[in-house]
All heavy atoms as atom14 arrays in JSON, in Angstrom:
{
  "sequence": "YGHVWGTLYVLLGAEIGALFAFGLARWLGGETMRRWFGDRLSVGLLG",
  "atom14_mask": [
    [1, 1, 1, 1, 1, 1, 1, 1, 1, 1, 1, 1, 0, 0],
    [1, 1, 1, 1, 0, 0, 0, 0, 0, 0, 0, 0, 0, 0],
    [1, 1, 1, 1, 1, 1, 1, 1, 1, 1, 0, 0, 0, 0],
    [1, 1, 1, 1, 1, 1, 1, 0, 0, 0, 0, 0, 0, 0],
    [1, 1, 1, 1, 1, 1, 1, 1, 1, 1, 1, 1, 1, 1],
    [1, 1, 1, 1, 0, 0, 0, 0, 0, 0, 0, 0, 0, 0],
    [1, 1, 1, 1, 1, 1, 1, 0, 0, 0, 0, 0, 0, 0],
    [1, 1, 1, 1, 1, 1, 1, 1, 0, 0, 0, 0, 0, 0],
    [1, 1, 1, 1, 1, 1, 1, 1, 1, 1, 1, 1, 0, 0],
    [1, 1, 1, 1, 1, 1, 1, 0, 0, 0, 0, 0, 0, 0],
    [1, 1, 1, 1, 1, 1, 1, 1, 0, 0, 0, 0, 0, 0],
    [1, 1, 1, 1, 1, 1, 1, 1, 0, 0, 0, 0, 0, 0],
    [1, 1, 1, 1, 0, 0, 0, 0, 0, 0, 0, 0, 0, 0],
    [1, 1, 1, 1, 1, 0, 0, 0, 0, 0, 0, 0, 0, 0],
    [1, 1, 1, 1, 1, 1, 1, 1, 1, 0, 0, 0, 0, 0],
    [1, 1, 1, 1, 1, 1, 1, 1, 0, 0, 0, 0, 0, 0],
    [1, 1, 1, 1, 0, 0, 0, 0, 0, 0, 0, 0, 0, 0],
    [1, 1, 1, 1, 1, 0, 0, 0, 0, 0, 0, 0, 0, 0],
    [1, 1, 1, 1, 1, 1, 1, 1, 0, 0, 0, 0, 0, 0],
    [1, 1, 1, 1, 1, 1, 1, 1, 1, 1, 1, 0, 0, 0],
    [1, 1, 1, 1, 1, 0, 0, 0, 0, 0, 0, 0, 0, 0],
    [1, 1, 1, 1, 1, 1, 1, 1, 1, 1, 1, 0, 0, 0],
    [1, 1, 1, 1, 0, 0, 0, 0, 0, 0, 0, 0, 0, 0],
    [1, 1, 1, 1, 1, 1, 1, 1, 0, 0, 0, 0, 0, 0],
    [1, 1, 1, 1, 1, 0, 0, 0, 0, 0, 0, 0, 0, 0],
    [1, 1, 1, 1, 1, 1, 1, 1, 1, 1, 1, 0, 0, 0],
    [1, 1, 1, 1, 1, 1, 1, 1, 1, 1, 1, 1, 1, 1],
    [1, 1, 1, 1, 1, 1, 1, 1, 0, 0, 0, 0, 0, 0],
    [1, 1, 1, 1, 0, 0, 0, 0, 0, 0, 0, 0, 0, 0],
    [1, 1, 1, 1, 0, 0, 0, 0, 0, 0, 0, 0, 0, 0],
    [1, 1, 1, 1, 1, 1, 1, 1, 1, 0, 0, 0, 0, 0],
    [1, 1, 1, 1, 1, 1, 1, 0, 0, 0, 0, 0, 0, 0],
    [1, 1, 1, 1, 1, 1, 1, 1, 0, 0, 0, 0, 0, 0],
    [1, 1, 1, 1, 1, 1, 1, 1, 1, 1, 1, 0, 0, 0],
    [1, 1, 1, 1, 1, 1, 1, 1, 1, 1, 1, 0, 0, 0],
    [1, 1, 1, 1, 1, 1, 1, 1, 1, 1, 1, 1, 1, 1],
    [1, 1, 1, 1, 1, 1, 1, 1, 1, 1, 1, 0, 0, 0],
    [1, 1, 1, 1, 0, 0, 0, 0, 0, 0, 0, 0, 0, 0],
    [1, 1, 1, 1, 1, 1, 1, 1, 0, 0, 0, 0, 0, 0],
    [1, 1, 1, 1, 1, 1, 1, 1, 1, 1, 1, 0, 0, 0],
    [1, 1, 1, 1, 1, 1, 1, 1, 0, 0, 0, 0, 0, 0],
    [1, 1, 1, 1, 1, 1, 0, 0, 0, 0, 0, 0, 0, 0],
    [1, 1, 1, 1, 1, 1, 1, 0, 0, 0, 0, 0, 0, 0],
    [1, 1, 1, 1, 0, 0, 0, 0, 0, 0, 0, 0, 0, 0],
    [1, 1, 1, 1, 1, 1, 1, 1, 0, 0, 0, 0, 0, 0],
    [1, 1, 1, 1, 1, 1, 1, 1, 0, 0, 0, 0, 0, 0],
    [1, 1, 1, 1, 0, 0, 0, 0, 0, 0, 0, 0, 0, 0]
  ],
  "atom14_positions": [
    [[64.01, 110.51, -88.99], [65.22, 110.41, -88.15], [65.2, 109.26, -87.16], [66.12, 109.13, -86.35], [65.42, 111.73, -87.4], [65.51, 112.92, -88.32], [64.5, 113.86, -88.37], [66.61, 113.07, -89.17], [64.58, 114.94, -89.24], [66.69, 114.15, -90.04], [65.67, 115.07, -90.07], [65.74, 116.13, -90.93], [0.0, 0.0, 0.0], [0.0, 0.0, 0.0]],
    [[64.14, 108.45, -87.19], [64.1, 107.31, -86.27], [63.5, 107.69, -84.93], [63.18, 108.84, -84.66], [0.0, 0.0, 0.0], [0.0, 0.0, 0.0], [0.0, 0.0, 0.0], [0.0, 0.0, 0.0], [0.0, 0.0, 0.0], [0.0, 0.0, 0.0], [0.0, 0.0, 0.0], [0.0, 0.0, 0.0], [0.0, 0.0, 0.0], [0.0, 0.0, 0.0]],
    [[63.38, 106.69, -84.07], [62.69, 106.87, -82.8], [63.43, 107.83, -81.87], [62.82, 108.72, -81.28], [62.51, 105.52, -82.09], [61.89, 104.48, -82.97], [62.06, 103.13, -82.77], [61.1, 104.59, -84.06], [61.41, 102.46, -83.69], [60.83, 103.31, -84.49], [0.0, 0.0, 0.0], [0.0, 0.0, 0.0], [0.0, 0.0, 0.0], [0.0, 0.0, 0.0]],
    [[64.73, 107.65, -81.72], [65.49, 108.41, -80.73], [65.65, 109.86, -81.15], [65.24, 110.78, -80.46], [66.86, 107.77, -80.47], [67.66, 108.62, -79.49], [66.69, 106.36, -79.92], [0.0, 0.0, 0.0], [0.0, 0.0, 0.0], [0.0, 0.0, 0.0], [0.0, 0.0, 0.0], [0.0, 0.0, 0.0], [0.0, 0.0, 0.0], [0.0, 0.0, 0.0]],
    [[66.27, 110.08, -82.32], [66.52, 111.45, -82.76], [65.21, 112.16, -83.11], [65.07, 113.36, -82.87], [67.47, 111.45, -83.96], [68.88, 111.15, -83.55], [69.56, 109.99, -83.75], [69.77, 112.02, -82.85], [70.83, 110.07, -83.23], [70.99, 111.31, -82.68], [69.67, 113.32, -82.36], [72.09, 111.87, -82.01], [70.77, 113.88, -81.71], [71.95, 113.16, -81.55]],
    [[64.27, 111.44, -83.69], [62.98, 112.04, -83.99], [62.3, 112.54, -82.74], [61.76, 113.65, -82.69], [0.0, 0.0, 0.0], [0.0, 0.0, 0.0], [0.0, 0.0, 0.0], [0.0, 0.0, 0.0], [0.0, 0.0, 0.0], [0.0, 0.0, 0.0], [0.0, 0.0, 0.0], [0.0, 0.0, 0.0], [0.0, 0.0, 0.0], [0.0, 0.0, 0.0]],
    [[62.32, 111.71, -81.69], [61.73, 112.1, -80.41], [62.45, 113.32, -79.83], [61.81, 114.24, -79.31], [61.8, 110.94, -79.4], [61.07, 109.83, -79.91], [61.2, 111.35, -78.06], [0.0, 0.0, 0.0], [0.0, 0.0, 0.0], [0.0, 0.0, 0.0], [0.0, 0.0, 0.0], [0.0, 0.0, 0.0], [0.0, 0.0, 0.0], [0.0, 0.0, 0.0]],
    [[63.77, 113.33, -79.91], [64.55, 114.45, -79.37], [64.19, 115.76, -80.05], [64.0, 116.79, -79.38], [66.04, 114.16, -79.54], [67.0, 115.24, -79.01], [66.82, 115.42, -77.51], [68.44, 114.88, -79.33], [0.0, 0.0, 0.0], [0.0, 0.0, 0.0], [0.0, 0.0, 0.0], [0.0, 0.0, 0.0], [0.0, 0.0, 0.0], [0.0, 0.0, 0.0]],
    [[64.08, 115.75, -81.37], [63.74, 116.97, -82.1], [62.32, 117.43, -81.76], [62.06, 118.63, -81.61], [63.86, 116.76, -83.61], [65.26, 116.41, -84.05], [65.5, 115.49, -85.08], [66.37, 116.98, -83.44], [66.78, 115.17, -85.49], [67.66, 116.66, -83.84], [67.86, 115.75, -84.86], [69.14, 115.43, -85.25], [0.0, 0.0, 0.0], [0.0, 0.0, 0.0]],
    [[61.4, 116.49, -81.64], [60.01, 116.83, -81.29], [59.95, 117.41, -79.88], [59.27, 118.42, -79.63], [59.11, 115.59, -81.4], [57.73, 115.87, -80.82], [58.99, 115.16, -82.86], [0.0, 0.0, 0.0], [0.0, 0.0, 0.0], [0.0, 0.0, 0.0], [0.0, 0.0, 0.0], [0.0, 0.0, 0.0], [0.0, 0.0, 0.0], [0.0, 0.0, 0.0]],
    [[60.66, 116.77, -78.95], [60.68, 117.27, -77.57], [61.24, 118.68, -77.5], [60.68, 119.55, -76.81], [61.54, 116.35, -76.7], [60.91, 115.07, -76.18], [61.94, 114.25, -75.42], [59.73, 115.38, -75.27], [0.0, 0.0, 0.0], [0.0, 0.0, 0.0], [0.0, 0.0, 0.0], [0.0, 0.0, 0.0], [0.0, 0.0, 0.0], [0.0, 0.0, 0.0]],
    [[62.33, 118.91, -78.21], [62.97, 120.22, -78.18], [62.03, 121.3, -78.72], [61.87, 122.37, -78.12], [64.26, 120.19, -78.98], [65.16, 121.43, -78.92], [65.54, 121.73, -77.48], [66.4, 121.23, -79.77], [0.0, 0.0, 0.0], [0.0, 0.0, 0.0], [0.0, 0.0, 0.0], [0.0, 0.0, 0.0], [0.0, 0.0, 0.0], [0.0, 0.0, 0.0]],
    [[61.4, 121.02, -79.85], [60.48, 122.0, -80.42], [59.27, 122.25, -79.56], [58.85, 123.4, -79.38], [0.0, 0.0, 0.0], [0.0, 0.0, 0.0], [0.0, 0.0, 0.0], [0.0, 0.0, 0.0], [0.0, 0.0, 0.0], [0.0, 0.0, 0.0], [0.0, 0.0, 0.0], [0.0, 0.0, 0.0], [0.0, 0.0, 0.0], [0.0, 0.0, 0.0]],
    [[58.68, 121.17, -79.01], [57.5, 121.32, -78.17], [57.82, 122.08, -76.89], [57.04, 122.92, -76.44], [56.91, 119.95, -77.85], [0.0, 0.0, 0.0], [0.0, 0.0, 0.0], [0.0, 0.0, 0.0], [0.0, 0.0, 0.0], [0.0, 0.0, 0.0], [0.0, 0.0, 0.0], [0.0, 0.0, 0.0], [0.0, 0.0, 0.0], [0.0, 0.0, 0.0]],
    [[58.97, 121.79, -76.3], [59.35, 122.46, -75.06], [59.61, 123.95, -75.31], [59.15, 124.8, -74.53], [60.61, 121.81, -74.48], [61.07, 122.38, -73.15], [60.22, 121.94, -71.97], [59.3, 121.1, -72.19], [60.46, 122.4, -70.85], [0.0, 0.0, 0.0], [0.0, 0.0, 0.0], [0.0, 0.0, 0.0], [0.0, 0.0, 0.0], [0.0, 0.0, 0.0]],
    [[60.32, 124.27, -76.37], [60.59, 125.68, -76.69], [59.29, 126.41, -76.97], [59.06, 127.53, -76.49], [61.54, 125.78, -77.89], [62.93, 125.26, -77.53], [61.65, 127.24, -78.36], [63.88, 125.19, -78.71], [0.0, 0.0, 0.0], [0.0, 0.0, 0.0], [0.0, 0.0, 0.0], [0.0, 0.0, 0.0], [0.0, 0.0, 0.0], [0.0, 0.0, 0.0]],
    [[58.41, 125.79, -77.75], [57.12, 126.42, -78.05], [56.29, 126.66, -76.81], [55.67, 127.72, -76.64], [0.0, 0.0, 0.0], [0.0, 0.0, 0.0], [0.0, 0.0, 0.0], [0.0, 0.0, 0.0], [0.0, 0.0, 0.0], [0.0, 0.0, 0.0], [0.0, 0.0, 0.0], [0.0, 0.0, 0.0], [0.0, 0.0, 0.0], [0.0, 0.0, 0.0]],
    [[56.26, 125.67, -75.91], [55.5, 125.81, -74.67], [56.06, 126.93, -73.8], [55.31, 127.71, -73.21], [55.5, 124.49, -73.9], [0.0, 0.0, 0.0], [0.0, 0.0, 0.0], [0.0, 0.0, 0.0], [0.0, 0.0, 0.0], [0.0, 0.0, 0.0], [0.0, 0.0, 0.0], [0.0, 0.0, 0.0], [0.0, 0.0, 0.0], [0.0, 0.0, 0.0]],
    [[57.39, 127.02, -73.72], [58.01, 128.06, -72.91], [57.77, 129.44, -73.51], [57.57, 130.41, -72.77], [59.52, 127.8, -72.78], [59.9, 126.55, -71.99], [61.41, 126.39, -71.96], [59.35, 126.62, -70.57], [0.0, 0.0, 0.0], [0.0, 0.0, 0.0], [0.0, 0.0, 0.0], [0.0, 0.0, 0.0], [0.0, 0.0, 0.0], [0.0, 0.0, 0.0]],
    [[57.77, 129.54, -74.83], [57.44, 130.8, -75.48], [56.01, 131.23, -75.13], [55.75, 132.39, -74.79], [57.59, 130.69, -76.99], [58.97, 131.01, -77.49], [59.53, 130.27, -78.52], [59.7, 132.05, -76.95], [60.8, 130.56, -79.0], [60.97, 132.34, -77.41], [61.53, 131.6, -78.44], [0.0, 0.0, 0.0], [0.0, 0.0, 0.0], [0.0, 0.0, 0.0]],
    [[55.07, 130.29, -75.27], [53.67, 130.6, -74.98], [53.49, 130.98, -73.52], [52.77, 131.95, -73.19], [52.79, 129.4, -75.34], [0.0, 0.0, 0.0], [0.0, 0.0, 0.0], [0.0, 0.0, 0.0], [0.0, 0.0, 0.0], [0.0, 0.0, 0.0], [0.0, 0.0, 0.0], [0.0, 0.0, 0.0], [0.0, 0.0, 0.0], [0.0, 0.0, 0.0]],
    [[54.12, 130.22, -72.62], [54.03, 130.51, -71.19], [54.61, 131.89, -70.88], [54.0, 132.69, -70.17], [54.8, 129.43, -70.42], [54.83, 129.64, -68.93], [53.82, 129.13, -68.12], [55.88, 130.32, -68.33], [53.86, 129.32, -66.75], [55.93, 130.51, -66.96], [54.91, 130.01, -66.17], [0.0, 0.0, 0.0], [0.0, 0.0, 0.0], [0.0, 0.0, 0.0]],
    [[55.81, 132.16, -71.41], [56.45, 133.45, -71.15], [55.67, 134.61, -71.72], [55.59, 135.68, -71.1], [0.0, 0.0, 0.0], [0.0, 0.0, 0.0], [0.0, 0.0, 0.0], [0.0, 0.0, 0.0], [0.0, 0.0, 0.0], [0.0, 0.0, 0.0], [0.0, 0.0, 0.0], [0.0, 0.0, 0.0], [0.0, 0.0, 0.0], [0.0, 0.0, 0.0]],
    [[55.1, 134.41, -72.89], [54.31, 135.48, -73.5], [53.08, 135.8, -72.66], [52.77, 136.98, -72.41], [53.89, 135.05, -74.91], [53.06, 136.06, -75.71], [53.86, 137.31, -75.95], [52.6, 135.44, -77.03], [0.0, 0.0, 0.0], [0.0, 0.0, 0.0], [0.0, 0.0, 0.0], [0.0, 0.0, 0.0], [0.0, 0.0, 0.0], [0.0, 0.0, 0.0]],
    [[52.37, 134.76, -72.23], [51.2, 134.99, -71.4], [51.58, 135.62, -70.06], [50.88, 136.51, -69.57], [50.46, 133.67, -71.16], [0.0, 0.0, 0.0], [0.0, 0.0, 0.0], [0.0, 0.0, 0.0], [0.0, 0.0, 0.0], [0.0, 0.0, 0.0], [0.0, 0.0, 0.0], [0.0, 0.0, 0.0], [0.0, 0.0, 0.0], [0.0, 0.0, 0.0]],
    [[52.69, 135.2, -69.5], [53.15, 135.76, -68.23], [53.51, 137.24, -68.4], [53.18, 138.08, -67.55], [54.35, 134.96, -67.73], [55.04, 135.46, -66.47], [54.12, 135.4, -65.24], [53.53, 134.11, -65.01], [54.12, 133.11, -64.33], [55.33, 133.29, -63.83], [53.49, 131.97, -64.14], [0.0, 0.0, 0.0], [0.0, 0.0, 0.0], [0.0, 0.0, 0.0]],
    [[54.18, 137.57, -69.49], [54.61, 138.95, -69.73], [53.43, 139.87, -70.01], [53.36, 140.99, -69.49], [55.58, 138.99, -70.91], [56.11, 140.36, -71.2], [56.86, 141.15, -70.39], [55.91, 141.11, -72.41], [57.14, 142.34, -71.0], [56.59, 142.35, -72.25], [55.26, 140.86, -73.61], [56.6, 143.32, -73.24], [55.29, 141.82, -74.6], [55.95, 143.03, -74.41]],
    [[52.47, 139.37, -70.8], [51.34, 140.22, -71.18], [50.23, 140.24, -70.13], [49.59, 141.27, -69.94], [50.76, 139.74, -72.51], [51.64, 139.91, -73.75], [50.96, 139.31, -74.97], [51.94, 141.37, -73.99], [0.0, 0.0, 0.0], [0.0, 0.0, 0.0], [0.0, 0.0, 0.0], [0.0, 0.0, 0.0], [0.0, 0.0, 0.0], [0.0, 0.0, 0.0]],
    [[50.02, 139.09, -69.48], [48.86, 139.01, -68.6], [49.15, 138.93, -67.13], [48.25, 139.13, -66.31], [0.0, 0.0, 0.0], [0.0, 0.0, 0.0], [0.0, 0.0, 0.0], [0.0, 0.0, 0.0], [0.0, 0.0, 0.0], [0.0, 0.0, 0.0], [0.0, 0.0, 0.0], [0.0, 0.0, 0.0], [0.0, 0.0, 0.0], [0.0, 0.0, 0.0]],
    [[50.39, 138.62, -66.74], [50.69, 138.46, -65.32], [50.43, 139.72, -64.52], [49.84, 139.68, -63.43], [0.0, 0.0, 0.0], [0.0, 0.0, 0.0], [0.0, 0.0, 0.0], [0.0, 0.0, 0.0], [0.0, 0.0, 0.0], [0.0, 0.0, 0.0], [0.0, 0.0, 0.0], [0.0, 0.0, 0.0], [0.0, 0.0, 0.0], [0.0, 0.0, 0.0]],
    [[50.85, 140.86, -65.04], [50.65, 142.12, -64.32], [49.17, 142.44, -64.19], [48.71, 142.91, -63.14], [51.36, 143.25, -65.06], [51.24, 144.6, -64.39], [51.99, 145.69, -65.14], [52.88, 145.35, -65.95], [51.67, 146.87, -64.93], [0.0, 0.0, 0.0], [0.0, 0.0, 0.0], [0.0, 0.0, 0.0], [0.0, 0.0, 0.0], [0.0, 0.0, 0.0]],
    [[48.4, 142.16, -65.24], [46.96, 142.41, -65.18], [46.29, 141.53, -64.15], [45.43, 141.99, -63.39], [46.33, 142.15, -66.57], [46.94, 143.01, -67.52], [44.84, 142.41, -66.54], [0.0, 0.0, 0.0], [0.0, 0.0, 0.0], [0.0, 0.0, 0.0], [0.0, 0.0, 0.0], [0.0, 0.0, 0.0], [0.0, 0.0, 0.0], [0.0, 0.0, 0.0]],
    [[46.69, 140.25, -64.1], [46.12, 139.34, -63.11], [46.43, 139.8, -61.69], [45.57, 139.78, -60.82], [46.65, 137.93, -63.33], [46.23, 137.29, -64.64], [44.47, 136.89, -64.7], [44.44, 135.46, -63.63], [0.0, 0.0, 0.0], [0.0, 0.0, 0.0], [0.0, 0.0, 0.0], [0.0, 0.0, 0.0], [0.0, 0.0, 0.0], [0.0, 0.0, 0.0]],
    [[47.66, 140.21, -61.46], [48.02, 140.7, -60.12], [47.26, 141.97, -59.77], [46.88, 142.19, -58.62], [49.53, 140.94, -60.05], [50.36, 139.68, -59.95], [51.81, 140.0, -59.63], [52.46, 140.72, -60.72], [53.08, 140.13, -61.73], [53.13, 138.81, -61.8], [53.65, 140.84, -62.68], [0.0, 0.0, 0.0], [0.0, 0.0, 0.0], [0.0, 0.0, 0.0]],
    [[47.01, 142.81, -60.76], [46.26, 144.03, -60.51], [44.82, 143.74, -60.15], [44.22, 144.42, -59.31], [46.32, 144.91, -61.77], [45.7, 146.28, -61.61], [45.9, 147.1, -62.86], [47.32, 147.26, -63.16], [47.77, 147.85, -64.28], [46.91, 148.3, -65.18], [49.07, 147.96, -64.48], [0.0, 0.0, 0.0], [0.0, 0.0, 0.0], [0.0, 0.0, 0.0]],
    [[44.25, 142.7, -60.76], [42.88, 142.34, -60.47], [42.72, 141.65, -59.12], [41.81, 141.95, -58.36], [42.33, 141.41, -61.56], [42.01, 142.11, -62.85], [41.98, 143.46, -63.06], [41.68, 141.5, -64.1], [41.68, 143.72, -64.36], [41.47, 142.54, -65.03], [41.55, 140.19, -64.52], [41.13, 142.3, -66.35], [41.22, 139.94, -65.83], [41.01, 140.99, -66.74]],
    [[43.62, 140.69, -58.83], [43.44, 139.84, -57.67], [44.35, 140.16, -56.5], [44.13, 139.66, -55.39], [43.64, 138.36, -58.07], [42.65, 137.88, -59.08], [43.05, 137.59, -60.38], [41.32, 137.72, -58.75], [42.15, 137.15, -61.32], [40.4, 137.27, -59.69], [40.82, 136.99, -60.98], [0.0, 0.0, 0.0], [0.0, 0.0, 0.0], [0.0, 0.0, 0.0]],
    [[45.39, 140.93, -56.73], [46.27, 141.32, -55.64], [46.93, 140.14, -54.97], [47.36, 139.19, -55.63], [0.0, 0.0, 0.0], [0.0, 0.0, 0.0], [0.0, 0.0, 0.0], [0.0, 0.0, 0.0], [0.0, 0.0, 0.0], [0.0, 0.0, 0.0], [0.0, 0.0, 0.0], [0.0, 0.0, 0.0], [0.0, 0.0, 0.0], [0.0, 0.0, 0.0]],
    [[46.98, 140.15, -53.63], [47.66, 139.08, -52.89], [46.95, 137.74, -53.0], [47.56, 136.69, -52.79], [47.75, 139.47, -51.4], [48.66, 140.67, -51.19], [49.52, 140.91, -52.07], [48.5, 141.36, -50.17], [0.0, 0.0, 0.0], [0.0, 0.0, 0.0], [0.0, 0.0, 0.0], [0.0, 0.0, 0.0], [0.0, 0.0, 0.0], [0.0, 0.0, 0.0]],
    [[45.68, 137.76, -53.33], [44.94, 136.5, -53.43], [45.51, 135.6, -54.52], [45.31, 134.38, -54.5], [43.46, 136.76, -53.74], [42.69, 137.38, -52.58], [41.26, 137.63, -52.98], [41.19, 138.62, -54.06], [40.08, 138.84, -54.79], [39.0, 138.13, -54.56], [40.07, 139.77, -55.72], [0.0, 0.0, 0.0], [0.0, 0.0, 0.0], [0.0, 0.0, 0.0]],
    [[46.2, 136.19, -55.5], [46.75, 135.4, -56.59], [47.74, 134.36, -56.11], [47.88, 133.3, -56.68], [47.42, 136.34, -57.6], [47.91, 135.7, -58.9], [46.72, 135.19, -59.71], [48.7, 136.7, -59.72], [0.0, 0.0, 0.0], [0.0, 0.0, 0.0], [0.0, 0.0, 0.0], [0.0, 0.0, 0.0], [0.0, 0.0, 0.0], [0.0, 0.0, 0.0]],
    [[48.43, 134.65, -55.02], [49.49, 133.75, -54.55], [49.08, 132.96, -53.31], [49.9, 132.29, -52.72], [50.75, 134.56, -54.23], [50.46, 135.53, -53.24], [0.0, 0.0, 0.0], [0.0, 0.0, 0.0], [0.0, 0.0, 0.0], [0.0, 0.0, 0.0], [0.0, 0.0, 0.0], [0.0, 0.0, 0.0], [0.0, 0.0, 0.0], [0.0, 0.0, 0.0]],
    [[47.83, 133.04, -52.91], [47.41, 132.32, -51.69], [46.26, 131.36, -51.98], [45.38, 131.17, -51.17], [47.0, 133.31, -50.57], [48.22, 134.05, -50.07], [45.92, 134.28, -51.04], [0.0, 0.0, 0.0], [0.0, 0.0, 0.0], [0.0, 0.0, 0.0], [0.0, 0.0, 0.0], [0.0, 0.0, 0.0], [0.0, 0.0, 0.0], [0.0, 0.0, 0.0]],
    [[46.26, 130.78, -53.18], [45.34, 129.69, -53.44], [44.24, 129.98, -54.43], [43.47, 129.1, -54.77], [0.0, 0.0, 0.0], [0.0, 0.0, 0.0], [0.0, 0.0, 0.0], [0.0, 0.0, 0.0], [0.0, 0.0, 0.0], [0.0, 0.0, 0.0], [0.0, 0.0, 0.0], [0.0, 0.0, 0.0], [0.0, 0.0, 0.0], [0.0, 0.0, 0.0]],
    [[44.12, 131.22, -54.92], [43.05, 131.52, -55.85], [43.17, 130.67, -57.11], [42.2, 130.15, -57.62], [43.08, 133.01, -56.24], [42.02, 133.44, -57.25], [40.65, 133.33, -56.62], [42.26, 134.86, -57.73], [0.0, 0.0, 0.0], [0.0, 0.0, 0.0], [0.0, 0.0, 0.0], [0.0, 0.0, 0.0], [0.0, 0.0, 0.0], [0.0, 0.0, 0.0]],
    [[44.39, 130.51, -57.6], [44.61, 129.72, -58.81], [45.36, 128.43, -58.53], [45.87, 127.78, -59.42], [45.38, 130.57, -59.84], [44.68, 131.83, -60.31], [45.56, 132.58, -61.3], [43.35, 131.51, -60.95], [0.0, 0.0, 0.0], [0.0, 0.0, 0.0], [0.0, 0.0, 0.0], [0.0, 0.0, 0.0], [0.0, 0.0, 0.0], [0.0, 0.0, 0.0]],
    [[45.42, 128.06, -57.26], [46.04, 126.8, -56.91], [47.47, 126.96, -56.43], [48.14, 127.94, -56.69], [0.0, 0.0, 0.0], [0.0, 0.0, 0.0], [0.0, 0.0, 0.0], [0.0, 0.0, 0.0], [0.0, 0.0, 0.0], [0.0, 0.0, 0.0], [0.0, 0.0, 0.0], [0.0, 0.0, 0.0], [0.0, 0.0, 0.0], [0.0, 0.0, 0.0]]
  ]
}
């Protein structure tokens, strides 16, 4: 598809895939992390 359209399709797929992976980890593991670390999770433990 050439440089422009090829890049656009790659960007779209990579972004969607990354957001899926991020959301999945957040949904499955976020509650567990908060349960383990409590308030420390949001005050610099992970940056």
